[in-house]
Amino acid sequence: MECEFPTVNSSSEEIREIFAQTKTIVIIGLSPDPTKASYRVAKYLKEHNFTIIPVYPKEEEILGEKVYRSLAEIPFAVDMVNIFRKPDALVAVAEAVLARGDVKCFWAQQGIVNNEAARMVEKAGLKVVQNRCTMVEHAAL
């Protein structure tokens, strides 16, 4: 997939509202490696009183939290799905998000854009953020 410009994206005011309404954040692609962006972002979010839920193909625990292998395995409601995956994986993530029915925000980290996936979840009523870092945006508030 070629690089895309995000044609579906929340405004700064909507991002403020997203953080005000979010308590639980699933982090898809949360690496156990402290040098990786996903780890640093998750650590920051946890330190700022968000409940983080790692989704990663390996490991049993990351940042003291139980690791799930997929979004479907998580047995409780989540507010946001924060994605650290390549853009071509986002349609499958969007399908998993829609299958859950309880997610309110679909957030693709900085450098990650997939407008097809974004339109899918936006059409279902979710807030969408693409190509922005949750840590940077939260710290700016």
Protein backbone atom coordinates (compact mmCIF):
# COMPACT_ATOMS: atom_id res chain seq x y z
CA MET A 1 0.00 0.00 0.00
CA GLU A 2 1.27 3.46 -0.83
CA CYS A 3 1.38 6.22 1.73
CA GLU A 4 -1.97 7.92 2.10
CA PHE A 5 -3.03 11.33 3.31
CA PRO A 6 -5.72 10.93 5.98
CA THR A 7 -9.05 11.98 4.49
CA VAL A 8 -10.91 10.82 7.61
CA ASN A 9 -9.64 12.33 10.86
CA SER A 10 -10.92 13.88 14.08
CA SER A 11 -10.40 17.55 14.87
CA SER A 12 -8.38 18.78 17.86
CA GLU A 13 -11.62 19.41 19.76
CA GLU A 14 -12.82 15.87 19.03
CA ILE A 15 -9.49 14.51 20.25
CA ARG A 16 -9.96 16.42 23.51
CA GLU A 17 -13.41 14.80 23.86
CA ILE A 18 -12.00 11.35 23.02
CA PHE A 19 -9.49 11.58 25.88
CA ALA A 20 -12.12 12.92 28.27
CA GLN A 21 -14.37 9.92 27.54
CA THR A 22 -11.68 7.22 27.34
CA LYS A 23 -10.68 4.99 30.23
CA THR A 24 -9.65 1.71 28.55
CA ILE A 25 -7.24 1.55 25.61
CA VAL A 26 -6.38 -1.60 23.67
CA ILE A 27 -2.93 -1.27 22.14
CA ILE A 28 -2.61 -3.48 19.10
CA GLY A 29 1.03 -4.22 18.38
CA LEU A 30 2.32 -3.31 21.87
CA SER A 31 5.93 -4.49 21.87
CA PRO A 32 7.63 -5.71 25.06
CA ASP A 33 10.77 -3.83 23.90
CA PRO A 34 11.18 -0.59 25.92
CA THR A 35 12.97 1.06 22.97
CA LYS A 36 9.89 0.74 20.72
CA ALA A 37 7.38 3.58 20.32
CA SER A 38 4.44 1.33 21.21
CA TYR A 39 6.00 0.50 24.59
CA ARG A 40 6.83 4.14 25.39
CA VAL A 41 3.35 5.32 24.41
CA ALA A 42 1.64 2.56 26.41
CA LYS A 43 3.80 3.30 29.45
CA TYR A 44 2.90 6.99 29.21
CA LEU A 45 -0.83 6.23 28.91
CA LYS A 46 -0.70 3.86 31.88
CA GLU A 47 1.14 6.48 33.95
CA HIS A 48 -1.68 8.91 33.08
CA ASN A 49 -4.36 6.63 34.54
CA PHE A 50 -5.60 4.91 31.38
CA THR A 51 -6.13 1.17 31.56
CA ILE A 52 -4.04 -0.39 28.81
CA ILE A 53 -4.71 -3.80 27.27
CA PRO A 54 -1.85 -5.20 25.16
CA VAL A 55 -2.59 -7.19 22.01
CA TYR A 56 0.56 -8.93 20.81
CA PRO A 57 1.28 -12.35 19.28
CA LYS A 58 3.81 -13.31 21.97
CA GLU A 59 4.48 -12.65 25.67
CA GLU A 60 2.15 -13.25 28.60
CA GLU A 61 2.53 -9.84 30.23
CA ILE A 62 3.69 -6.39 29.10
CA LEU A 63 3.91 -3.41 31.47
CA GLY A 64 2.32 -5.60 34.15
CA GLU A 65 -0.80 -6.21 32.03
CA LYS A 66 -2.11 -9.50 30.65
CA VAL A 67 -1.44 -9.83 26.92
CA TYR A 68 -4.23 -10.93 24.57
CA ARG A 69 -3.59 -12.44 21.16
CA SER A 70 -6.54 -10.69 19.49
CA LEU A 71 -9.15 -8.04 20.08
CA ALA A 72 -11.85 -10.73 20.13
CA GLU A 73 -10.25 -12.42 23.18
CA ILE A 74 -10.72 -9.38 25.44
CA PRO A 75 -13.66 -10.23 27.74
CA PHE A 76 -14.65 -6.69 28.77
CA ALA A 77 -15.64 -3.40 27.12
CA VAL A 78 -12.97 -1.11 25.69
CA ASP A 79 -13.15 2.54 24.72
CA MET A 80 -10.29 2.97 22.25
CA VAL A 81 -8.25 0.77 19.96
CA ASN A 82 -4.80 2.31 19.45
CA ILE A 83 -2.99 0.69 16.52
CA PHE A 84 0.74 0.15 15.98
CA ARG A 85 0.52 -1.98 12.82
CA LYS A 86 1.28 -1.45 9.14
CA PRO A 87 -1.45 0.36 7.19
CA ASP A 88 -2.43 -2.75 5.20
CA ALA A 89 -3.41 -4.49 8.47
CA LEU A 90 -5.97 -1.82 9.38
CA VAL A 91 -8.93 -3.17 7.41
CA ALA A 92 -8.72 -6.43 9.39
CA VAL A 93 -8.41 -4.42 12.61
CA ALA A 94 -11.45 -2.34 11.60
CA GLU A 95 -13.44 -5.53 10.99
CA ALA A 96 -12.46 -6.84 14.44
CA VAL A 97 -13.40 -3.50 16.02
CA LEU A 98 -16.81 -3.55 14.32
CA ALA A 99 -17.40 -7.17 15.37
CA ARG A 100 -16.96 -6.15 19.02
CA GLY A 101 -19.53 -3.37 18.91
CA ASP A 102 -18.26 -1.58 22.03
CA VAL A 103 -15.28 0.45 20.76
CA LYS A 104 -15.79 4.21 20.51
CA CYS A 105 -12.48 5.31 18.95
CA PHE A 106 -10.23 3.86 16.24
CA TRP A 107 -6.78 5.46 16.53
CA ALA A 108 -3.95 4.77 14.06
CA GLN A 109 -0.62 6.00 15.39
CA GLN A 110 1.67 8.53 13.74
CA GLY A 111 2.71 7.41 10.27
CA ILE A 112 -0.24 5.01 9.93
CA VAL A 113 -3.09 5.81 7.55
CA ASN A 114 -5.70 3.60 5.90
CA ASN A 115 -8.67 5.61 4.69
CA GLU A 116 -10.66 2.52 3.71
CA ALA A 117 -10.49 1.20 7.29
CA ALA A 118 -11.19 4.68 8.67
CA ARG A 119 -14.33 5.04 6.53
CA MET A 120 -15.55 1.60 7.64
CA VAL A 121 -15.46 2.49 11.34
CA GLU A 122 -16.55 6.10 10.87
CA LYS A 123 -19.65 4.88 9.04
CA ALA A 124 -20.44 2.77 12.13
CA GLY A 125 -20.27 5.88 14.33
CA LEU A 126 -16.75 5.61 15.75
CA LYS A 127 -14.37 8.53 16.18
CA VAL A 128 -11.32 8.12 13.95
CA VAL A 129 -7.81 9.48 14.40
CA GLN A 130 -5.04 8.69 11.91
CA ASN A 131 -1.39 9.64 11.68
CA ARG A 132 -1.28 11.08 15.20
CA CYS A 133 0.42 9.88 18.37
CA THR A 134 -1.79 9.36 21.43
CA MET A 135 1.05 10.33 23.76
CA VAL A 136 1.83 13.56 21.89
CA GLU A 137 -1.84 14.52 21.58
CA HIS A 138 -2.59 13.77 25.25
CA ALA A 139 0.50 15.64 26.45
CA ALA A 140 -0.55 18.66 24.36
CA LEU A 141 -3.80 18.86 26.33
